[in-house]
Amino acid sequence: MQAWRVHRNGEPSEVMELEQADRPTPGEGQVLIAVRAANINFPDALLCRGQYQVRPPLPFTPGVEICGETADGRRVLATPALPHGGFAEYVVADEAALLPAPEALDDAQAAALHIGYQTGWFGLHRRARLQAGETLLVHAAAGGVGSAAVQLGKAAGATVIGVVGGPEKAAVARELGCDLVIDRHGEDIVAAVKEATGGRGADVVYDPVGGEAYAKSVKCIAFEGRVVVVGFASGAIPTPGLNHALVKNYSIVGLHWGLYNTKDPAAVRACHDELTALAAKGVVKPLISERLPMADAARAVQRVADGTSTGRIVVLPSGGTR
């Protein structure tokens, strides 16, 4: 089969190599899956760089989520078992963790409904307890993770403020349904949020960026607000001033969605059922900006790493347009 493999750590465009490889062999409790669509996530870039919390042995294939087909014809969502990631024609995954692909979505959309939307749902509902009528501030609102949070925030009845970088991404965020879009390249985030909320600030902040985004968030957080720490796409991990959290009376909550797969798998299933229902109603629909053939995967992962993409880029191993 064809598979992208990483033999040394570095930038994705430099270390990902398209090769012929043996199909992976399922272990106990695992199943072989033919990949129909593989969604690109920021962790794929971190895997290439050797900076992810999981460091598979070299060589490995990146690709942390797919939509595929089992030998018995089931169309499923899966997180492939590393080192055999999703940028390949076949993967293996734990049978117990497979989720049925929503019928309302095509392969590319289904592949993108998994990690980003699960992260958004758990972050907004389990960790932040977002309520209808509250104001939600989403950083990187036009990106894969941010766009999911925008849609889920709107579905929950929140007023959503999206922060983006540049006019192209601002247009995408507006199309997603943001009530207000702030271009961080030319606007003051803190002032804009306070003006939009009558001085109150944002009740919930969804932050997959870290760095300066976090620093500005806590300057415009509301009384009893909640900052959900999702990731550090900026590369800078904040060092929160806990005295500031005490004085302003806000909460800082972390979210590592992967832990729910081992700590509370029933909650992951229930979340998937909710997301499937929302997709069937057309309330959420993953923003797929590009569907690419296998040969273009490395360049696409690099663009996600560089923060120049919008929505989700999906790799189609068959070269089709699913």
C-alpha atoms as a PDB file:
ATOM      1  CA  MET A   1       0.000   0.000   0.000  1.00  0.00           C
ATOM      2  CA  GLN A   2       0.994   3.670  -0.226  1.00  0.00           C
ATOM      3  CA  ALA A   3       1.782   5.460   3.007  1.00  0.00           C
ATOM      4  CA  TRP A   4       3.459   8.674   4.099  1.00  0.00           C
ATOM      5  CA  ARG A   5       6.244   7.876   6.553  1.00  0.00           C
ATOM      6  CA  VAL A   6       8.465   9.936   8.826  1.00  0.00           C
ATOM      7  CA  HIS A   7      12.002   8.609   9.352  1.00  0.00           C
ATOM      8  CA  ARG A   8      13.342  11.628  11.256  1.00  0.00           C
ATOM      9  CA  ASN A   9      11.725  14.496  13.118  1.00  0.00           C
ATOM     10  CA  GLY A  10      11.404  17.914  11.527  1.00  0.00           C
ATOM     11  CA  GLU A  11       9.068  20.084   9.489  1.00  0.00           C
ATOM     12  CA  PRO A  12       6.354  18.008   7.751  1.00  0.00           C
ATOM     13  CA  SER A  13       7.258  19.096   4.211  1.00  0.00           C
ATOM     14  CA  GLU A  14      10.858  18.009   4.837  1.00  0.00           C
ATOM     15  CA  VAL A  15      10.417  14.710   6.698  1.00  0.00           C
ATOM     16  CA  MET A  16       7.236  13.145   5.276  1.00  0.00           C
ATOM     17  CA  GLU A  17       8.034  10.662   2.478  1.00  0.00           C
ATOM     18  CA  LEU A  18       5.505   8.817   0.310  1.00  0.00           C
ATOM     19  CA  GLU A  19       6.505   5.147   0.192  1.00  0.00           C
ATOM     20  CA  GLN A  20       5.291   1.639  -0.508  1.00  0.00           C
ATOM     21  CA  ALA A  21       4.710  -0.138   2.794  1.00  0.00           C
ATOM     22  CA  ASP A  22       3.176  -3.343   4.092  1.00  0.00           C
ATOM     23  CA  ARG A  23      -0.394  -3.216   5.294  1.00  0.00           C
ATOM     24  CA  PRO A  24      -0.500  -3.057   9.103  1.00  0.00           C
ATOM     25  CA  THR A  25      -1.547  -6.234  10.885  1.00  0.00           C
ATOM     26  CA  PRO A  26      -4.385  -5.925  13.431  1.00  0.00           C
ATOM     27  CA  GLY A  27      -3.527  -6.923  16.987  1.00  0.00           C
ATOM     28  CA  GLU A  28      -5.850  -8.244  19.661  1.00  0.00           C
ATOM     29  CA  GLY A  29      -9.092  -6.267  19.640  1.00  0.00           C
ATOM     30  CA  GLN A  30      -8.097  -4.320  16.516  1.00  0.00           C
ATOM     31  CA  VAL A  31      -9.517  -4.201  12.988  1.00  0.00           C
ATOM     32  CA  LEU A  32      -8.052  -3.367   9.575  1.00  0.00           C
ATOM     33  CA  ILE A  33      -9.707  -0.364   7.891  1.00  0.00           C
ATOM     34  CA  ALA A  34      -9.457   0.912   4.317  1.00  0.00           C
ATOM     35  CA  VAL A  35      -9.014   4.686   4.524  1.00  0.00           C
ATOM     36  CA  ARG A  36     -11.630   6.686   2.615  1.00  0.00           C
ATOM     37  CA  ALA A  37     -10.656  10.123   3.983  1.00  0.00           C
ATOM     38  CA  ALA A  38      -7.976  11.321   6.421  1.00  0.00           C
ATOM     39  CA  ASN A  39      -8.410  14.698   8.079  1.00  0.00           C
ATOM     40  CA  ILE A  40      -5.316  16.811   8.791  1.00  0.00           C
ATOM     41  CA  ASN A  41      -4.944  18.040  12.377  1.00  0.00           C
ATOM     42  CA  PHE A  42      -2.336  20.239  14.051  1.00  0.00           C
ATOM     43  CA  PRO A  43      -1.140  17.227  16.110  1.00  0.00           C
ATOM     44  CA  ASP A  44       0.010  15.662  12.827  1.00  0.00           C
ATOM     45  CA  ALA A  45       2.524  18.479  12.494  1.00  0.00           C
ATOM     46  CA  LEU A  46       3.579  18.053  16.120  1.00  0.00           C
ATOM     47  CA  LEU A  47       4.068  14.321  15.511  1.00  0.00           C
ATOM     48  CA  CYS A  48       6.391  15.112  12.607  1.00  0.00           C
ATOM     49  CA  ARG A  49       8.344  17.536  14.772  1.00  0.00           C
ATOM     50  CA  GLY A  50       8.552  15.096  17.684  1.00  0.00           C
ATOM     51  CA  GLN A  51       6.670  17.561  19.888  1.00  0.00           C
ATOM     52  CA  TYR A  52       3.402  15.699  20.475  1.00  0.00           C
ATOM     53  CA  GLN A  53       2.576  14.087  23.841  1.00  0.00           C
ATOM     54  CA  VAL A  54       2.681  10.734  22.049  1.00  0.00           C
ATOM     55  CA  ARG A  55       5.974   9.944  20.311  1.00  0.00           C
ATOM     56  CA  PRO A  56       5.662   6.853  18.110  1.00  0.00           C
ATOM     57  CA  PRO A  57       8.853   5.021  17.147  1.00  0.00           C
ATOM     58  CA  LEU A  58      10.479   5.992  13.862  1.00  0.00           C
ATOM     59  CA  PRO A  59       9.521   5.430  11.123  1.00  0.00           C
ATOM     60  CA  PHE A  60       5.815   6.171  11.550  1.00  0.00           C
ATOM     61  CA  THR A  61       2.851   7.393   9.534  1.00  0.00           C
ATOM     62  CA  PRO A  62       1.050  10.522  10.830  1.00  0.00           C
ATOM     63  CA  GLY A  63      -2.707  11.014  10.578  1.00  0.00           C
ATOM     64  CA  VAL A  64      -4.762  10.933  13.764  1.00  0.00           C
ATOM     65  CA  GLU A  65      -8.326  10.616  12.429  1.00  0.00           C
ATOM     66  CA  ILE A  66     -10.002   8.966   9.463  1.00  0.00           C
ATOM     67  CA  CYS A  67     -13.241   7.895   7.909  1.00  0.00           C
ATOM     68  CA  GLY A  68     -12.860   4.401   6.522  1.00  0.00           C
ATOM     69  CA  GLU A  69     -14.467   1.102   5.707  1.00  0.00           C
ATOM     70  CA  THR A  70     -14.062  -2.190   7.546  1.00  0.00           C
ATOM     71  CA  ALA A  71     -13.829  -5.554   5.814  1.00  0.00           C
ATOM     72  CA  ASP A  72     -17.488  -6.235   6.646  1.00  0.00           C
ATOM     73  CA  GLY A  73     -18.579  -3.001   4.942  1.00  0.00           C
ATOM     74  CA  ARG A  74     -19.098  -0.693   7.898  1.00  0.00           C
ATOM     75  CA  ARG A  75     -18.358   3.010   7.313  1.00  0.00           C
ATOM     76  CA  VAL A  76     -16.646   4.197  10.487  1.00  0.00           C
ATOM     77  CA  LEU A  77     -14.687   6.977  12.169  1.00  0.00           C
ATOM     78  CA  ALA A  78     -11.455   5.939  13.827  1.00  0.00           C
ATOM     79  CA  THR A  79      -8.285   7.185  15.466  1.00  0.00           C
ATOM     80  CA  PRO A  80      -5.620   4.925  13.912  1.00  0.00           C
ATOM     81  CA  ALA A  81      -3.222   3.058  16.180  1.00  0.00           C
ATOM     82  CA  LEU A  82       0.169   4.703  15.803  1.00  0.00           C
ATOM     83  CA  PRO A  83       2.738   4.172  14.339  1.00  0.00           C
ATOM     84  CA  HIS A  84       0.320   3.316  11.500  1.00  0.00           C
ATOM     85  CA  GLY A  85      -1.462   6.663  11.083  1.00  0.00           C
ATOM     86  CA  GLY A  86      -4.109   7.765   8.654  1.00  0.00           C
ATOM     87  CA  PHE A  87      -2.088   9.098   5.718  1.00  0.00           C
ATOM     88  CA  ALA A  88      -2.067   5.641   4.184  1.00  0.00           C
ATOM     89  CA  GLU A  89      -4.397   3.371   2.260  1.00  0.00           C
ATOM     90  CA  TYR A  90      -4.985   1.118   5.280  1.00  0.00           C
ATOM     91  CA  VAL A  91      -4.849   1.524   9.064  1.00  0.00           C
ATOM     92  CA  VAL A  92      -5.596  -0.523  12.137  1.00  0.00           C
ATOM     93  CA  ALA A  93      -7.710   0.779  15.011  1.00  0.00           C
ATOM     94  CA  ASP A  94      -9.260  -0.499  18.227  1.00  0.00           C
ATOM     95  CA  GLU A  95     -12.603  -2.120  17.450  1.00  0.00           C
ATOM     96  CA  ALA A  96     -14.134  -0.871  20.711  1.00  0.00           C
ATOM     97  CA  ALA A  97     -13.403   2.769  19.852  1.00  0.00           C
ATOM     98  CA  LEU A  98     -14.896   2.780  16.332  1.00  0.00           C
ATOM     99  CA  LEU A  99     -17.778   5.180  15.765  1.00  0.00           C
ATOM    100  CA  PRO A 100     -20.370   4.930  12.988  1.00  0.00           C
ATOM    101  CA  ALA A 101     -19.886   7.596  10.317  1.00  0.00           C
ATOM    102  CA  PRO A 102     -22.885   9.962  10.199  1.00  0.00           C
ATOM    103  CA  GLU A 103     -25.064   9.283   7.161  1.00  0.00           C
ATOM    104  CA  ALA A 104     -25.686  13.013   6.696  1.00  0.00           C
ATOM    105  CA  LEU A 105     -21.996  13.663   5.956  1.00  0.00           C
ATOM    106  CA  ASP A 106     -19.732  12.559   3.126  1.00  0.00           C
ATOM    107  CA  ASP A 107     -16.418  10.869   3.875  1.00  0.00           C
ATOM    108  CA  ALA A 108     -14.364  14.049   4.123  1.00  0.00           C
ATOM    109  CA  GLN A 109     -16.905  15.784   6.355  1.00  0.00           C
ATOM    110  CA  ALA A 110     -17.304  12.703   8.525  1.00  0.00           C
ATOM    111  CA  ALA A 111     -13.546  12.397   9.043  1.00  0.00           C
ATOM    112  CA  ALA A 112     -13.528  16.000  10.308  1.00  0.00           C
ATOM    113  CA  LEU A 113     -16.439  15.527  12.723  1.00  0.00           C
ATOM    114  CA  HIS A 114     -14.421  13.433  15.122  1.00  0.00           C
ATOM    115  CA  ILE A 115     -11.603  14.967  17.202  1.00  0.00           C
ATOM    116  CA  GLY A 116     -12.256  18.672  16.580  1.00  0.00           C
ATOM    117  CA  TYR A 117     -15.982  18.487  17.300  1.00  0.00           C
ATOM    118  CA  GLN A 118     -15.583  16.109  20.229  1.00  0.00           C
ATOM    119  CA  THR A 119     -13.003  18.511  21.663  1.00  0.00           C
ATOM    120  CA  GLY A 120     -15.369  21.429  21.130  1.00  0.00           C
ATOM    121  CA  TRP A 121     -18.325  19.647  22.680  1.00  0.00           C
ATOM    122  CA  PHE A 122     -16.432  18.480  25.767  1.00  0.00           C
ATOM    123  CA  GLY A 123     -14.721  21.855  26.132  1.00  0.00           C
ATOM    124  CA  LEU A 124     -17.883  23.926  25.890  1.00  0.00           C
ATOM    125  CA  HIS A 125     -20.340  21.625  27.637  1.00  0.00           C
ATOM    126  CA  ARG A 126     -18.420  19.386  30.061  1.00  0.00           C
ATOM    127  CA  ARG A 127     -15.639  21.773  31.072  1.00  0.00           C
ATOM    128  CA  ALA A 128     -17.059  25.284  30.623  1.00  0.00           C
ATOM    129  CA  ARG A 129     -20.784  24.513  31.077  1.00  0.00           C
ATOM    130  CA  LEU A 130     -21.687  27.033  28.376  1.00  0.00           C
ATOM    131  CA  GLN A 131     -25.248  28.358  28.761  1.00  0.00           C
ATOM    132  CA  ALA A 132     -27.647  29.814  26.208  1.00  0.00           C
ATOM    133  CA  GLY A 133     -27.372  33.602  26.164  1.00  0.00           C
ATOM    134  CA  GLU A 134     -23.731  33.664  27.271  1.00  0.00           C
ATOM    135  CA  THR A 135     -20.926  35.156  25.184  1.00  0.00           C
ATOM    136  CA  LEU A 136     -18.337  32.769  23.771  1.00  0.00           C
ATOM    137  CA  LEU A 137     -14.967  34.032  22.503  1.00  0.00           C
ATOM    138  CA  VAL A 138     -13.268  31.637  20.069  1.00  0.00           C
ATOM    139  CA  HIS A 139      -9.648  32.086  19.010  1.00  0.00           C
ATOM    140  CA  ALA A 140      -8.562  30.851  15.548  1.00  0.00           C
ATOM    141  CA  ALA A 141     -12.250  30.816  14.651  1.00  0.00           C
ATOM    142  CA  ALA A 142     -11.633  30.004  10.983  1.00  0.00           C
ATOM    143  CA  GLY A 143      -9.389  27.022  11.712  1.00  0.00           C
ATOM    144  CA  GLY A 144     -10.354  23.384  12.073  1.00  0.00           C
ATOM    145  CA  VAL A 145     -10.722  23.371  15.867  1.00  0.00           C
ATOM    146  CA  GLY A 146     -12.063  26.920  16.100  1.00  0.00           C
ATOM    147  CA  SER A 147     -14.679  26.494  13.366  1.00  0.00           C
ATOM    148  CA  ALA A 148     -16.110  23.497  15.217  1.00  0.00           C
ATOM    149  CA  ALA A 149     -16.359  25.526  18.439  1.00  0.00           C
ATOM    150  CA  VAL A 150     -18.115  28.363  16.590  1.00  0.00           C
ATOM    151  CA  GLN A 151     -20.785  26.034  15.227  1.00  0.00           C
ATOM    152  CA  LEU A 152     -21.262  24.260  18.553  1.00  0.00           C
ATOM    153  CA  GLY A 153     -21.449  27.590  20.387  1.00  0.00           C
ATOM    154  CA  LYS A 154     -24.178  28.816  18.061  1.00  0.00           C
ATOM    155  CA  ALA A 155     -26.017  25.500  18.443  1.00  0.00           C
ATOM    156  CA  ALA A 156     -25.940  26.028  22.214  1.00  0.00           C
ATOM    157  CA  GLY A 157     -27.552  29.459  21.904  1.00  0.00           C
ATOM    158  CA  ALA A 158     -24.461  31.519  22.712  1.00  0.00           C
ATOM    159  CA  THR A 159     -23.385  34.814  21.180  1.00  0.00           C
ATOM    160  CA  VAL A 160     -20.121  33.936  19.434  1.00  0.00           C
ATOM    161  CA  ILE A 161     -17.188  36.296  18.930  1.00  0.00           C
ATOM    162  CA  GLY A 162     -14.513  34.912  16.616  1.00  0.00           C
ATOM    163  CA  VAL A 163     -10.878  36.022  16.545  1.00  0.00           C
ATOM    164  CA  VAL A 164      -8.970  35.473  13.287  1.00  0.00           C
ATOM    165  CA  GLY A 165      -5.840  36.632  11.495  1.00  0.00           C
ATOM    166  CA  GLY A 166      -6.522  38.408   8.207  1.00  0.00           C
ATOM    167  CA  PRO A 167      -9.489  39.376   6.003  1.00  0.00           C
ATOM    168  CA  GLU A 168      -9.785  35.987   4.257  1.00  0.00           C
ATOM    169  CA  LYS A 169     -10.194  34.188   7.559  1.00  0.00           C
ATOM    170  CA  ALA A 170     -12.554  36.914   8.779  1.00  0.00           C
ATOM    171  CA  ALA A 171     -14.853  36.202   5.829  1.00  0.00           C
ATOM    172  CA  VAL A 172     -14.818  32.483   6.664  1.00  0.00           C
ATOM    173  CA  ALA A 173     -15.663  33.172  10.312  1.00  0.00           C
ATOM    174  CA  ARG A 174     -18.630  35.318   9.304  1.00  0.00           C
ATOM    175  CA  GLU A 175     -19.919  32.579   7.027  1.00  0.00           C
ATOM    176  CA  LEU A 176     -19.645  30.137   9.935  1.00  0.00           C
ATOM    177  CA  GLY A 177     -22.081  32.285  11.907  1.00  0.00           C
ATOM    178  CA  CYS A 178     -19.938  34.402  14.231  1.00  0.00           C
ATOM    179  CA  ASP A 179     -21.955  37.316  15.615  1.00  0.00           C
ATOM    180  CA  LEU A 180     -18.794  39.420  15.693  1.00  0.00           C
ATOM    181  CA  VAL A 181     -15.431  38.837  14.023  1.00  0.00           C
ATOM    182  CA  ILE A 182     -12.230  40.449  15.297  1.00  0.00           C
ATOM    183  CA  ASP A 183      -9.167  40.554  13.034  1.00  0.00           C
ATOM    184  CA  ARG A 184      -6.249  40.416  15.456  1.00  0.00           C
ATOM    185  CA  HIS A 185      -3.941  41.881  12.792  1.00  0.00           C
ATOM    186  CA  GLY A 186      -5.625  45.263  12.938  1.00  0.00           C
ATOM    187  CA  GLU A 187      -8.033  45.320  15.869  1.00  0.00           C
ATOM    188  CA  ASP A 188      -7.710  45.451  19.638  1.00  0.00           C
ATOM    189  CA  ILE A 189      -9.215  42.178  20.895  1.00  0.00           C
ATOM    190  CA  VAL A 190      -9.721  43.364  24.459  1.00  0.00           C
ATOM    191  CA  ALA A 191     -11.388  46.636  23.512  1.00  0.00           C
ATOM    192  CA  ALA A 192     -13.610  44.979  20.894  1.00  0.00           C
ATOM    193  CA  VAL A 193     -14.830  42.288  23.292  1.00  0.00           C
ATOM    194  CA  LYS A 194     -15.580  44.778  26.044  1.00  0.00           C
ATOM    195  CA  GLU A 195     -17.436  47.068  23.641  1.00  0.00           C
ATOM    196  CA  ALA A 196     -19.500  44.180  22.263  1.00  0.00           C
ATOM    197  CA  THR A 197     -20.464  42.982  25.740  1.00  0.00           C
ATOM    198  CA  GLY A 198     -21.150  46.341  27.342  1.00  0.00           C
ATOM    199  CA  GLY A 199     -18.025  46.061  29.444  1.00  0.00           C
ATOM    200  CA  ARG A 200     -18.906  42.661  30.900  1.00  0.00           C
ATOM    201  CA  GLY A 201     -16.467  40.550  28.870  1.00  0.00           C
ATOM    202  CA  ALA A 202     -16.699  37.009  27.505  1.00  0.00           C
ATOM    203  CA  ASP A 203     -18.302  34.339  29.678  1.00  0.00           C
ATOM    204  CA  VAL A 204     -16.354  31.534  28.027  1.00  0.00           C
ATOM    205  CA  VAL A 205     -13.076  31.670  26.081  1.00  0.00           C
ATOM    206  CA  TYR A 206     -12.120  28.757  23.833  1.00  0.00           C
ATOM    207  CA  ASP A 207      -8.364  28.930  23.309  1.00  0.00           C
ATOM    208  CA  PRO A 208      -6.476  26.489  21.052  1.00  0.00           C
ATOM    209  CA  VAL A 209      -3.726  29.074  20.473  1.00  0.00           C
ATOM    210  CA  GLY A 210      -2.098  30.017  23.787  1.00  0.00           C
ATOM    211  CA  GLY A 211       0.571  32.703  23.974  1.00  0.00           C
ATOM    212  CA  GLU A 212      -0.702  36.227  23.325  1.00  0.00           C
ATOM    213  CA  ALA A 213      -4.239  34.943  22.698  1.00  0.00           C
ATOM    214  CA  TYR A 214      -4.444  33.702  26.282  1.00  0.00           C
ATOM    215  CA  ALA A 215      -2.936  36.888  27.689  1.00  0.00           C
ATOM    216  CA  LYS A 216      -5.562  39.018  25.962  1.00  0.00           C
ATOM    217  CA  SER A 217      -8.390  36.652  26.870  1.00  0.00           C
ATOM    218  CA  VAL A 218      -7.948  37.074  30.605  1.00  0.00           C
ATOM    219  CA  LYS A 219      -8.061  40.855  30.149  1.00  0.00           C
ATOM    220  CA  CYS A 220     -11.589  40.615  28.767  1.00  0.00           C
ATOM    221  CA  ILE A 221     -13.003  37.676  30.718  1.00  0.00           C
ATOM    222  CA  ALA A 222     -16.306  38.189  32.517  1.00  0.00           C
ATOM    223  CA  PHE A 223     -17.058  37.762  36.227  1.00  0.00           C
ATOM    224  CA  GLU A 224     -17.214  33.988  36.828  1.00  0.00           C
ATOM    225  CA  GLY A 225     -15.935  33.437  33.274  1.00  0.00           C
ATOM    226  CA  ARG A 226     -14.215  30.253  32.146  1.00  0.00           C
ATOM    227  CA  VAL A 227     -11.111  29.990  29.964  1.00  0.00           C
ATOM    228  CA  VAL A 228     -10.863  26.609  28.250  1.00  0.00           C
ATOM    229  CA  VAL A 229      -7.232  25.749  27.456  1.00  0.00           C
ATOM    230  CA  VAL A 230      -7.361  23.490  24.381  1.00  0.00           C
ATOM    231  CA  GLY A 231      -3.866  23.741  22.898  1.00  0.00           C
ATOM    232  CA  PHE A 232      -0.908  25.919  22.008  1.00  0.00           C
ATOM    233  CA  ALA A 233      -0.901  26.373  18.241  1.00  0.00           C
ATOM    234  CA  SER A 234       1.151  29.556  18.677  1.00  0.00           C
ATOM    235  CA  GLY A 235       3.963  27.488  20.139  1.00  0.00           C
ATOM    236  CA  ALA A 236       3.938  29.575  23.331  1.00  0.00           C
ATOM    237  CA  ILE A 237       2.591  27.981  26.512  1.00  0.00           C
ATOM    238  CA  PRO A 238       1.154  30.647  28.857  1.00  0.00           C
ATOM    239  CA  THR A 239       2.162  30.933  32.491  1.00  0.00           C
ATOM    240  CA  PRO A 240      -1.082  32.075  34.144  1.00  0.00           C
ATOM    241  CA  GLY A 241      -0.979  34.523  37.017  1.00  0.00           C
ATOM    242  CA  LEU A 242      -3.178  32.783  39.561  1.00  0.00           C
ATOM    243  CA  ASN A 243      -3.457  35.989  41.570  1.00  0.00           C
ATOM    244  CA  HIS A 244      -5.179  37.500  38.525  1.00  0.00           C
ATOM    245  CA  ALA A 245      -7.649  34.593  38.354  1.00  0.00           C
ATOM    246  CA  LEU A 246      -8.356  35.100  42.056  1.00  0.00           C
ATOM    247  CA  VAL A 247      -8.887  38.852  41.852  1.00  0.00           C
ATOM    248  CA  LYS A 248     -11.105  38.706  38.735  1.00  0.00           C
ATOM    249  CA  ASN A 249     -12.959  35.562  39.852  1.00  0.00           C
ATOM    250  CA  TYR A 250     -12.573  33.452  36.706  1.00  0.00           C
ATOM    251  CA  SER A 251     -11.694  29.800  36.109  1.00  0.00           C
ATOM    252  CA  ILE A 252      -8.957  28.250  33.985  1.00  0.00           C
ATOM    253  CA  VAL A 253      -9.893  24.759  32.834  1.00  0.00           C
ATOM    254  CA  GLY A 254      -7.822  22.354  30.798  1.00  0.00           C
ATOM    255  CA  LEU A 255      -9.104  19.965  28.166  1.00  0.00           C
ATOM    256  CA  HIS A 256      -7.316  16.845  26.949  1.00  0.00           C
ATOM    257  CA  TRP A 257     -10.046  15.096  24.985  1.00  0.00           C
ATOM    258  CA  GLY A 258      -8.005  11.937  24.475  1.00  0.00           C
ATOM    259  CA  LEU A 259      -8.298  11.125  28.190  1.00  0.00           C
ATOM    260  CA  TYR A 260     -12.041  10.603  27.828  1.00  0.00           C
ATOM    261  CA  ASN A 261     -11.355   7.615  25.567  1.00  0.00           C
ATOM    262  CA  THR A 262      -9.811   5.797  28.509  1.00  0.00           C
ATOM    263  CA  LYS A 263     -11.454   7.511  31.506  1.00  0.00           C
ATOM    264  CA  ASP A 264     -15.041   7.753  30.213  1.00  0.00           C
ATOM    265  CA  PRO A 265     -15.559   6.088  26.813  1.00  0.00           C
ATOM    266  CA  ALA A 266     -19.327   6.081  27.334  1.00  0.00           C
ATOM    267  CA  ALA A 267     -19.241   9.891  27.333  1.00  0.00           C
ATOM    268  CA  VAL A 268     -17.398   9.846  23.985  1.00  0.00           C
ATOM    269  CA  ARG A 269     -20.135   7.637  22.522  1.00  0.00           C
ATOM    270  CA  ALA A 270     -22.866   9.881  23.907  1.00  0.00           C
ATOM    271  CA  CYS A 271     -21.127  12.938  22.467  1.00  0.00           C
ATOM    272  CA  HIS A 272     -20.906  11.246  19.065  1.00  0.00           C
ATOM    273  CA  ASP A 273     -24.635  10.540  19.172  1.00  0.00           C
ATOM    274  CA  GLU A 274     -25.274  14.219  19.903  1.00  0.00           C
ATOM    275  CA  LEU A 275     -22.960  15.367  17.105  1.00  0.00           C
ATOM    276  CA  THR A 276     -24.571  12.918  14.673  1.00  0.00           C
ATOM    277  CA  ALA A 277     -27.992  14.327  15.539  1.00  0.00           C
ATOM    278  CA  LEU A 278     -26.768  17.898  15.045  1.00  0.00           C
ATOM    279  CA  ALA A 279     -25.256  16.930  11.682  1.00  0.00           C
ATOM    280  CA  ALA A 280     -28.516  15.294  10.603  1.00  0.00           C
ATOM    281  CA  LYS A 281     -30.352  18.536  11.382  1.00  0.00           C
ATOM    282  CA  GLY A 282     -27.760  20.558   9.469  1.00  0.00           C
ATOM    283  CA  VAL A 283     -26.865  22.511  12.612  1.00  0.00           C
ATOM    284  CA  VAL A 284     -23.191  21.536  12.357  1.00  0.00           C
ATOM    285  CA  LYS A 285     -21.279  20.757   9.178  1.00  0.00           C
ATOM    286  CA  PRO A 286     -17.479  20.523   9.128  1.00  0.00           C
ATOM    287  CA  LEU A 287     -15.868  23.241   7.053  1.00  0.00           C
ATOM    288  CA  ILE A 288     -13.840  21.395   4.407  1.00  0.00           C
ATOM    289  CA  SER A 289     -11.653  23.897   2.596  1.00  0.00           C
ATOM    290  CA  GLU A 290      -9.789  21.369   0.438  1.00  0.00           C
ATOM    291  CA  ARG A 291      -9.967  17.711  -0.595  1.00  0.00           C
ATOM    292  CA  LEU A 292      -6.549  16.575  -1.774  1.00  0.00           C
ATOM    293  CA  PRO A 293      -5.026  13.444  -3.307  1.00  0.00           C
ATOM    294  CA  MET A 294      -2.503  11.424  -1.332  1.00  0.00           C
ATOM    295  CA  ALA A 295       0.444  12.986  -3.172  1.00  0.00           C
ATOM    296  CA  ASP A 296      -0.304  16.430  -1.700  1.00  0.00           C
ATOM    297  CA  ALA A 297      -0.480  15.377   1.967  1.00  0.00           C
ATOM    298  CA  ALA A 298       2.953  16.584   3.111  1.00  0.00           C
ATOM    299  CA  ARG A 299       2.506  20.088   1.704  1.00  0.00           C
ATOM    300  CA  ALA A 300      -0.944  20.280   3.285  1.00  0.00           C
ATOM    301  CA  VAL A 301       0.295  19.216   6.716  1.00  0.00           C
ATOM    302  CA  GLN A 302       2.949  21.933   6.456  1.00  0.00           C
ATOM    303  CA  ARG A 303       0.295  24.562   5.724  1.00  0.00           C
ATOM    304  CA  VAL A 304      -1.664  23.484   8.787  1.00  0.00           C
ATOM    305  CA  ALA A 305       1.565  23.661  10.791  1.00  0.00           C
ATOM    306  CA  ASP A 306       2.197  27.193   9.499  1.00  0.00           C
ATOM    307  CA  GLY A 307      -1.345  28.348  10.323  1.00  0.00           C
ATOM    308  CA  THR A 308      -2.142  29.397   6.751  1.00  0.00           C
ATOM    309  CA  SER A 309      -5.090  27.043   6.198  1.00  0.00           C
ATOM    310  CA  THR A 310      -8.768  27.560   6.943  1.00  0.00           C
ATOM    311  CA  GLY A 311     -11.232  24.935   8.073  1.00  0.00           C
ATOM    312  CA  ARG A 312     -10.147  21.366   7.426  1.00  0.00           C
ATOM    313  CA  ILE A 313      -7.936  19.938   4.704  1.00  0.00           C
ATOM    314  CA  VAL A 314      -8.755  16.310   3.990  1.00  0.00           C
ATOM    315  CA  VAL A 315      -6.589  13.759   2.197  1.00  0.00           C
ATOM    316  CA  LEU A 316      -8.371  11.223  -0.034  1.00  0.00           C
ATOM    317  CA  PRO A 317      -6.112   8.185  -0.546  1.00  0.00           C
ATOM    318  CA  SER A 318      -8.099   7.029  -3.566  1.00  0.00           C
ATOM    319  CA  GLY A 319      -7.630  10.431  -5.234  1.00  0.00           C
ATOM    320  CA  GLY A 320     -11.373  10.895  -5.476  1.00  0.00           C
ATOM    321  CA  THR A 321     -13.659  13.698  -4.323  1.00  0.00           C
ATOM    322  CA  ARG A 322     -15.551  11.978  -1.528  1.00  0.00           C
END
